[in-house]
Protein backbone atom coordinates (compact mmCIF):
# COMPACT_ATOMS: atom_id res chain seq x y z
CA MET A 1 16.01 -8.93 -23.43
CA SER A 2 13.28 -11.42 -22.73
CA THR A 3 11.56 -12.67 -25.85
CA GLY A 4 8.23 -11.47 -24.47
CA SER A 5 9.34 -7.88 -24.04
CA HIS A 6 7.00 -5.09 -25.06
CA GLY A 7 9.86 -2.58 -25.02
CA ILE A 8 9.69 0.25 -27.55
CA VAL A 9 13.15 -0.61 -28.95
CA PRO A 10 13.07 -4.03 -30.66
CA ALA A 11 15.59 -6.64 -29.56
CA TYR A 12 16.93 -7.00 -33.09
CA LEU A 13 17.97 -3.33 -33.10
CA LEU A 14 19.63 -3.65 -29.69
CA ALA A 15 21.43 -6.81 -30.86
CA ARG A 16 22.79 -4.94 -33.88
CA LEU A 17 23.87 -2.05 -31.68
CA ALA A 18 25.55 -4.44 -29.23
CA GLU A 19 28.08 -5.28 -31.95
CA SER A 20 28.83 -1.65 -32.79
CA GLY A 21 32.43 -0.47 -33.04
CA ARG A 22 31.39 3.09 -33.79
CA PHE A 23 29.42 3.55 -30.57
CA PRO A 24 31.33 1.74 -27.79
CA ARG A 25 29.30 3.11 -24.89
CA ALA A 26 26.04 2.44 -26.70
CA ALA A 27 27.22 -1.09 -27.57
CA ASP A 28 27.91 -1.82 -23.92
CA ALA A 29 24.57 -0.26 -22.92
CA ALA A 30 22.75 -2.38 -25.51
CA ARG A 31 24.38 -5.54 -24.16
CA GLN A 32 23.39 -4.62 -20.61
CA THR A 33 19.85 -3.80 -21.74
CA LEU A 34 19.53 -7.14 -23.50
CA LEU A 35 20.81 -8.96 -20.42
CA ALA A 36 18.57 -7.02 -18.04
CA GLY A 37 15.48 -7.50 -20.16
CA ARG A 38 12.34 -6.44 -18.34
CA PRO A 39 10.52 -7.75 -15.29
CA PRO A 40 7.64 -10.25 -15.84
CA PHE A 41 4.58 -8.91 -16.09
CA ARG A 42 -9.46 10.05 -9.58
CA GLY A 43 -12.04 12.69 -10.30
CA ARG A 44 -11.69 16.39 -11.05
CA ILE A 45 -14.21 19.15 -10.46
CA THR A 46 -14.84 21.82 -13.07
CA LEU A 47 -16.53 24.97 -11.78
CA SER A 48 -18.59 27.28 -13.98
CA ILE A 49 -21.34 29.89 -13.72
CA ASP A 50 -24.67 29.16 -15.40
CA ALA A 51 -27.02 31.66 -17.05
CA ASP A 52 -28.69 32.41 -13.70
CA GLY A 53 -25.38 33.24 -12.08
CA SER A 54 -25.31 30.05 -10.04
CA LEU A 55 -22.13 28.14 -9.42
CA VAL A 56 -22.14 24.75 -11.20
CA ALA A 57 -19.74 21.98 -10.21
CA GLU A 58 -19.19 19.18 -12.73
CA LEU A 59 -17.36 16.01 -11.75
CA THR A 60 -15.35 14.39 -14.53
CA ASP A 61 -12.76 11.65 -14.75
CA ALA A 62 -9.16 12.61 -14.05
CA PRO A 63 -5.81 10.87 -14.11
CA ASN A 64 -4.15 9.55 -10.98
CA ARG A 65 -0.43 9.62 -11.74
CA THR A 66 2.55 8.59 -9.64
CA ILE A 67 6.13 8.87 -10.87
CA SER A 68 8.91 6.96 -9.12
CA ASP A 69 12.69 7.07 -9.52
CA ALA A 70 14.62 3.79 -9.76
CA GLN A 71 17.82 5.80 -9.14
CA ASN A 72 19.65 3.86 -11.85
CA THR A 73 18.88 0.49 -10.30
CA GLU A 74 16.70 -2.22 -11.81
CA THR A 75 14.45 -2.38 -8.75
CA LEU A 76 10.83 -1.41 -9.22
CA PRO A 77 8.91 0.68 -8.45
CA GLY A 78 11.60 2.95 -6.96
CA VAL A 79 11.17 6.06 -4.80
CA VAL A 80 8.04 8.17 -5.36
CA VAL A 81 9.13 11.60 -6.59
CA ARG A 82 5.91 13.13 -7.95
CA ALA A 83 2.24 12.36 -7.33
CA GLU A 84 -0.92 13.66 -8.97
CA ASP A 85 -1.32 16.76 -6.84
CA ASP A 86 2.37 17.71 -6.88
CA GLY A 87 3.83 20.45 -9.05
CA PRO A 88 6.79 20.05 -11.41
CA VAL A 89 10.12 18.99 -9.94
CA ASP A 90 13.70 19.73 -10.99
CA ASP A 91 14.05 16.44 -12.87
CA ALA A 92 13.00 16.84 -16.53
CA ALA A 93 12.46 13.09 -16.97
CA VAL A 94 9.98 13.04 -14.09
CA ASN A 95 8.00 15.96 -15.52
CA GLU A 96 8.04 14.57 -19.06
CA ALA A 97 6.77 11.20 -17.83
CA PHE A 98 4.06 12.89 -15.74
CA ASP A 99 2.91 15.03 -18.68
CA GLY A 100 3.05 12.08 -21.09
CA LEU A 101 0.84 9.93 -18.86
CA GLY A 102 -1.59 12.83 -18.67
CA ALA A 103 -1.64 13.35 -22.44
CA THR A 104 -2.40 9.66 -22.98
CA PHE A 105 -5.18 9.75 -20.39
CA GLU A 106 -6.68 12.81 -22.11
CA LEU A 107 -6.67 11.10 -25.51
CA LEU A 108 -8.40 8.02 -24.13
CA LEU A 109 -11.02 10.09 -22.31
CA ALA A 110 -11.68 12.79 -24.90
CA ALA A 111 -11.53 10.66 -28.02
CA PHE A 112 -12.86 7.31 -26.81
CA ALA A 113 -14.69 8.11 -23.53
CA ARG A 114 -12.35 5.61 -21.89
CA ASN A 115 -11.44 6.23 -18.25
CA SER A 116 -7.78 5.21 -18.14
CA LEU A 117 -6.29 1.96 -19.37
CA ASP A 118 -8.95 -0.35 -17.95
CA ASP A 119 -11.89 2.06 -18.44
CA ALA A 120 -12.34 2.01 -14.67
CA GLY A 121 -9.93 4.75 -13.60
CA ALA A 122 -6.79 2.64 -13.18
CA PRO A 123 -3.91 4.65 -11.73
CA LEU A 124 -1.11 5.56 -14.12
CA ASP A 125 2.26 4.70 -12.64
CA ALA A 126 5.71 5.16 -14.11
CA THR A 127 9.33 4.72 -13.09
CA VAL A 128 12.15 6.81 -14.55
CA HIS A 129 15.94 6.37 -14.46
CA TYR A 130 15.70 2.60 -14.71
CA GLY A 131 19.11 0.92 -14.85
CA VAL A 132 22.35 2.43 -16.09
CA ASP A 133 22.33 3.61 -19.72
CA TYR A 134 19.21 1.46 -20.20
CA ASP A 135 18.25 1.64 -23.88
CA ASN A 136 14.51 1.09 -23.72
CA ALA A 137 11.11 1.98 -22.30
CA PHE A 138 8.46 -0.64 -21.59
CA TRP A 139 5.09 -1.48 -20.08
CA ASP A 140 5.49 -4.26 -17.50
CA GLY A 141 1.81 -5.06 -17.06
CA GLU A 142 1.42 -2.55 -14.25
CA ARG A 143 3.55 0.50 -14.96
CA MET A 144 5.62 2.38 -17.53
CA VAL A 145 9.37 2.09 -17.12
CA PHE A 146 11.86 4.45 -18.75
CA GLY A 147 15.58 4.08 -19.29
CA ASP A 148 17.82 7.09 -19.79
CA GLY A 149 19.48 5.83 -22.96
CA ASP A 150 23.21 5.57 -23.48
CA GLY A 151 23.78 9.10 -24.78
CA GLU A 152 25.58 7.94 -27.92
CA VAL A 153 22.70 6.38 -29.85
CA PHE A 154 19.62 6.83 -27.65
CA ARG A 155 18.51 9.84 -25.67
CA GLY A 156 16.21 9.51 -22.65
CA PHE A 157 12.88 7.94 -23.55
CA THR A 158 10.57 10.27 -21.63
CA GLY A 159 10.92 13.01 -24.26
CA ALA A 160 8.97 11.14 -26.96
CA LEU A 161 5.22 11.38 -26.41
CA SER A 162 4.57 8.72 -29.05
CA VAL A 163 6.68 6.29 -26.99
CA ILE A 164 4.63 6.95 -23.85
CA GLY A 165 1.33 6.61 -25.70
CA HIS A 166 2.57 3.42 -27.34
CA GLU A 167 3.63 1.71 -24.13
CA LEU A 168 0.50 2.68 -22.19
CA ALA A 169 -1.55 1.34 -25.10
CA HIS A 170 -0.21 -2.11 -24.27
CA GLY A 171 -2.20 -1.66 -21.06
CA VAL A 172 -5.34 -0.87 -23.05
CA ILE A 173 -4.77 -3.94 -25.24
CA GLN A 174 -4.16 -6.02 -22.10
CA HIS A 175 -7.60 -4.98 -20.78
CA THR A 176 -9.43 -5.50 -24.10
CA ALA A 177 -8.54 -8.03 -26.81
CA GLY A 178 -5.43 -9.28 -25.00
CA LEU A 179 -3.68 -9.93 -28.31
CA VAL A 180 -1.16 -12.76 -27.98
CA TYR A 181 2.36 -11.38 -28.38
CA GLN A 182 3.47 -13.71 -31.16
CA GLY A 183 3.31 -13.68 -34.95
CA GLN A 184 0.54 -11.69 -36.61
CA SER A 185 -1.48 -11.16 -33.42
CA GLY A 186 1.69 -9.86 -31.78
CA ALA A 187 2.36 -7.57 -34.74
CA LEU A 188 -1.20 -6.28 -34.36
CA ASN A 189 -0.48 -5.72 -30.66
CA GLU A 190 2.53 -3.60 -31.62
CA SER A 191 0.69 -1.83 -34.43
CA ILE A 192 -2.31 -0.87 -32.31
CA ALA A 193 0.10 0.43 -29.68
CA ASP A 194 1.75 2.54 -32.41
CA VAL A 195 -1.68 3.83 -33.44
CA PHE A 196 -2.36 5.01 -29.90
CA GLY A 197 1.16 6.43 -29.66
CA ALA A 198 0.68 8.47 -32.82
CA LEU A 199 -2.81 9.56 -31.76
CA THR A 200 -1.56 10.66 -28.34
CA GLU A 201 1.05 12.88 -29.97
CA GLN A 202 -1.39 14.23 -32.56
CA HIS A 203 -4.14 14.85 -30.01
CA ALA A 204 -1.80 16.78 -27.72
CA ALA A 205 -0.68 18.99 -30.64
CA ARG A 206 -4.17 19.12 -32.22
CA GLN A 207 -2.57 17.94 -35.46
CA THR A 208 -4.48 16.75 -38.48
CA ALA A 209 -3.66 13.47 -40.17
CA GLU A 210 -2.12 15.38 -43.05
CA ALA A 211 0.15 17.51 -40.82
CA ALA A 212 1.30 14.64 -38.60
CA SER A 213 4.74 13.05 -39.02
CA TRP A 214 3.43 9.50 -38.34
CA LEU A 215 6.78 8.74 -36.71
CA ILE A 216 7.05 6.61 -33.58
CA GLY A 217 9.93 7.53 -31.32
CA GLU A 218 10.89 10.71 -33.14
CA GLY A 219 13.78 12.40 -31.34
CA ILE A 220 15.04 9.43 -29.32
CA PHE A 221 18.08 8.96 -31.56
CA THR A 222 21.05 11.27 -31.03
CA ASP A 223 22.43 13.36 -33.88
CA GLU A 224 25.08 10.68 -34.45
CA VAL A 225 22.50 8.32 -35.92
CA GLN A 226 21.19 8.51 -39.47
CA GLY A 227 17.55 8.16 -38.58
CA ARG A 228 14.39 10.07 -37.78
CA ALA A 229 12.67 7.63 -35.44
CA LEU A 230 12.17 3.96 -34.63
CA ARG A 231 9.31 3.52 -37.09
CA SER A 232 7.35 5.39 -39.73
CA MET A 233 3.70 4.42 -39.91
CA ILE A 234 3.06 6.04 -43.26
CA GLU A 235 6.35 4.85 -44.84
CA PRO A 236 7.44 1.65 -43.08
CA GLY A 237 11.07 0.81 -43.74
CA THR A 238 12.27 4.43 -43.94
CA ALA A 239 12.67 5.48 -40.29
CA TYR A 240 16.43 4.94 -40.17
CA ASP A 241 19.31 3.80 -42.36
CA ASP A 242 22.57 3.85 -40.44
CA ASP A 243 25.93 2.17 -41.04
CA GLU A 244 25.90 0.64 -37.55
CA LEU A 245 22.20 0.07 -36.93
CA GLY A 246 21.38 -1.07 -40.44
CA LYS A 247 18.21 -0.20 -42.33
CA ASP A 248 14.72 -0.13 -40.89
CA PRO A 249 13.42 -3.65 -41.74
CA GLN A 250 9.69 -2.96 -41.65
CA PRO A 251 7.67 -4.04 -44.71
CA ALA A 252 4.85 -1.88 -46.05
CA HIS A 253 2.99 -4.64 -47.95
CA MET A 254 2.06 -8.28 -47.41
CA ARG A 255 4.24 -9.33 -50.35
CA ASP A 256 7.24 -8.42 -48.17
CA PHE A 257 5.95 -10.04 -44.96
CA VAL A 258 8.93 -11.29 -42.95
CA THR A 259 8.81 -14.88 -41.70
CA THR A 260 11.18 -15.22 -38.76
CA THR A 261 11.56 -16.85 -35.37
CA GLU A 262 13.23 -13.70 -34.04
CA ASP A 263 11.33 -10.83 -32.41
CA ASN A 264 8.47 -13.12 -31.31
CA GLY A 265 7.81 -13.94 -34.94
CA GLY A 266 8.48 -10.42 -36.23
CA VAL A 267 6.09 -8.45 -34.03
CA HIS A 268 8.06 -5.19 -34.33
CA ILE A 269 8.87 -5.82 -38.00
CA ASN A 270 5.58 -6.84 -39.60
CA SER A 271 3.61 -4.27 -37.61
CA GLY A 272 4.56 -1.91 -40.42
CA ILE A 273 1.82 -3.42 -42.60
CA PRO A 274 -1.20 -2.66 -40.36
CA ASN A 275 0.51 0.60 -39.33
CA ARG A 276 0.45 1.79 -42.92
CA ALA A 277 -3.18 0.72 -43.31
CA PHE A 278 -4.22 2.95 -40.41
CA ALA A 279 -2.16 5.93 -41.55
CA LEU A 280 -3.50 5.62 -45.11
CA ALA A 281 -7.10 5.43 -43.91
CA ALA A 282 -6.60 8.43 -41.62
CA GLN A 283 -4.96 10.54 -44.32
CA SER A 284 -7.63 9.60 -46.84
CA LEU A 285 -10.36 10.76 -44.46
CA GLY A 286 -8.52 13.93 -43.43
CA GLY A 287 -9.08 15.96 -40.31
CA HIS A 288 -8.08 14.54 -36.94
CA ALA A 289 -7.15 10.86 -37.08
CA TRP A 290 -8.80 10.06 -33.75
CA GLU A 291 -12.20 11.29 -34.93
CA ARG A 292 -13.02 8.66 -37.56
CA ALA A 293 -10.18 6.23 -38.32
CA GLY A 294 -9.35 6.10 -34.61
CA GLN A 295 -12.97 5.33 -33.72
CA VAL A 296 -12.97 2.42 -36.17
CA TRP A 297 -9.75 0.91 -34.82
CA TYR A 298 -10.90 1.37 -31.22
CA ARG A 299 -14.25 -0.31 -31.86
CA ALA A 300 -12.48 -3.21 -33.57
CA LEU A 301 -10.11 -3.60 -30.62
CA THR A 302 -12.86 -3.47 -28.01
CA GLY A 303 -15.34 -5.69 -29.84
CA ASP A 304 -15.23 -9.46 -30.22
CA LEU A 305 -11.68 -9.60 -31.55
CA SER A 306 -9.92 -12.89 -30.87
CA SER A 307 -6.68 -12.78 -28.89
CA THR A 308 -5.05 -14.69 -31.75
CA ALA A 309 -6.45 -12.51 -34.56
CA ASP A 310 -4.32 -12.27 -37.68
CA PHE A 311 -4.14 -9.28 -40.05
CA ARG A 312 -7.13 -10.43 -42.09
CA ALA A 313 -9.28 -10.92 -39.00
CA PHE A 314 -8.42 -7.45 -37.72
CA ALA A 315 -8.99 -5.90 -41.14
CA ASP A 316 -12.43 -7.55 -41.21
CA ALA A 317 -13.12 -6.20 -37.71
CA THR A 318 -12.26 -2.66 -38.80
CA ALA A 319 -14.36 -2.98 -41.95
CA ASP A 320 -17.30 -4.19 -39.86
CA ALA A 321 -16.76 -1.39 -37.35
CA ALA A 322 -16.66 1.25 -40.08
CA ALA A 323 -19.87 -0.08 -41.60
CA HIS A 324 -21.60 -0.16 -38.21
CA LEU A 325 -20.47 3.31 -37.17
CA TYR A 326 -20.75 5.17 -40.47
CA GLY A 327 -22.62 2.98 -42.95
CA GLU A 328 -21.54 0.26 -45.35
CA GLU A 329 -21.24 2.64 -48.31
CA SER A 330 -19.79 5.53 -46.31
CA GLU A 331 -16.57 7.36 -47.06
CA VAL A 332 -15.10 5.87 -43.88
CA ALA A 333 -15.92 2.28 -44.79
CA SER A 334 -14.49 2.79 -48.27
CA ALA A 335 -11.29 4.35 -46.89
CA VAL A 336 -10.78 1.41 -44.53
CA ARG A 337 -11.29 -1.19 -47.26
CA THR A 338 -8.98 0.70 -49.62
CA ALA A 339 -6.25 0.97 -46.98
CA TRP A 340 -6.21 -2.77 -46.31
CA THR A 341 -6.21 -3.43 -50.04
CA THR A 342 -3.28 -1.05 -50.57
CA VAL A 343 -1.13 -2.97 -48.07
CA GLY A 344 -2.13 -6.33 -49.54
CA VAL A 345 -4.21 -7.76 -46.69
CA TYR A 346 -7.21 -7.71 -49.06
CA ALA A 347 -6.60 -8.83 -52.62
CA ASP A 348 -9.08 -6.18 -53.71
CA GLU A 349 -11.88 -4.20 -52.14
CA ARG A 350 -14.45 -6.75 -53.28
CA SER A 351 -12.89 -9.29 -50.91
CA ALA A 352 -13.55 -7.03 -47.91
CA PRO A 353 -16.65 -7.80 -45.82
CA ARG A 354 -19.80 -5.78 -46.56
């Protein structure tokens, strides 16, 4: 896989799987996935009746989705198999992708008043059945692409709503801060994508922060794997622990920050630290995570954030956003400062901006 890949499955996990003796088909699929890598980079009307009995038509933003089928090739975009005005088809992957794009659009619109990825109604395109036993899903700068998995370790990727929300969030990041995909800014890129992935899943289920699993990619492993998901936002490092795949390497605190040249400087690994900060803040505040913690993270992302921001710079941006939105001494601002202190980005709350 190309070192710049934004695929949901990190290259280090695929590399480990490629050496598996326990899962021969998955090992071959992982090798093929690593070699294949990834390519370089509407309105709706609501009718109602008012108090006078008159018909009222309200125009609101709506998704414009197109799902294509690569037919197990690595040629994009593939053959169009479902468009926005089409009903469900016989292919579950197509319908899951279509519904997942819609759920992500609804989160962005309802929670953040954002009209699609670019806030200007960008179409949402996706391709399913990419490659043969392709063990990943990714955002290529223009569309979502889903592999079917190898069947031994990974199931198809369209069934995990957090995966779809995560990958489309790379499009939001692309149109906002444009965080450089390397080192701490790259780990922030991955973490913010995880935040949107989790929020998409929670918003669709109307889950509170307390009831949510905070897992990214839950259900994409088969029953043969000792693991719940690719990542846990609330408990980084605990998502899987398997004899073949190894143990989830994500740290939960800055003291365990991983310095590496692999994985674009650990973008999928060290994202566990800001992931935990968000989940802690959301759980501390209670209710729906997109209502307060989500607003803070979104404002930080869409403000004056540098494309090379490190964890401290982003923490400062969220602290500033919380103070601006809710007040410097508010419960929200305190929860944000405490979360970043808990994961070691702030030495203590006094070091946070006020």
